[in-house]
């Protein structure tokens, strides 16, 4: 008994769709509400200045950056699409920041991969400070240490 193409086509398309979904499972993501992320207000010692920072997102997208200071260079490295890294440095001592409030504010769109073995969404950051523009101290911040709020709240 021969079947017509019209009888086989829907079944073939369904099998192809399932196969593609299984083979591309890590790409199937659900995006949550965007988050506004900034560094906490940390007291700086006398003559201590901020000269650099990084913000690394795991399983998310950096959507926007605001509050970029004059004399700073900002770089967004999306080499690993699932783990973008934002970094910034000042070019001269005059551009060094005197407060954590002067650091950029970043909007992040979290993703959640559908596979059970996929990494979880998280954010981590570092801030580099100096008192003499020769030695640098790096402070690390886990997601729980950062100021994170949902966009629009």
Foldseek 3Di string as FASTA:
>chain_A
DDDDCVVCVVVVVVVVVVVVCVVPQQVDKDKDFKKKWFADWDADDVQKFWFKKKKKKAQKAWDDKDLDFPQKDWDWDCVPVRIIMIMMGGDDPVRTHNISVSHIIIIMIHIDGPDPPGDHIWMKMWIWMDNPVPDIDIDIGTRVRIDMDGPPD
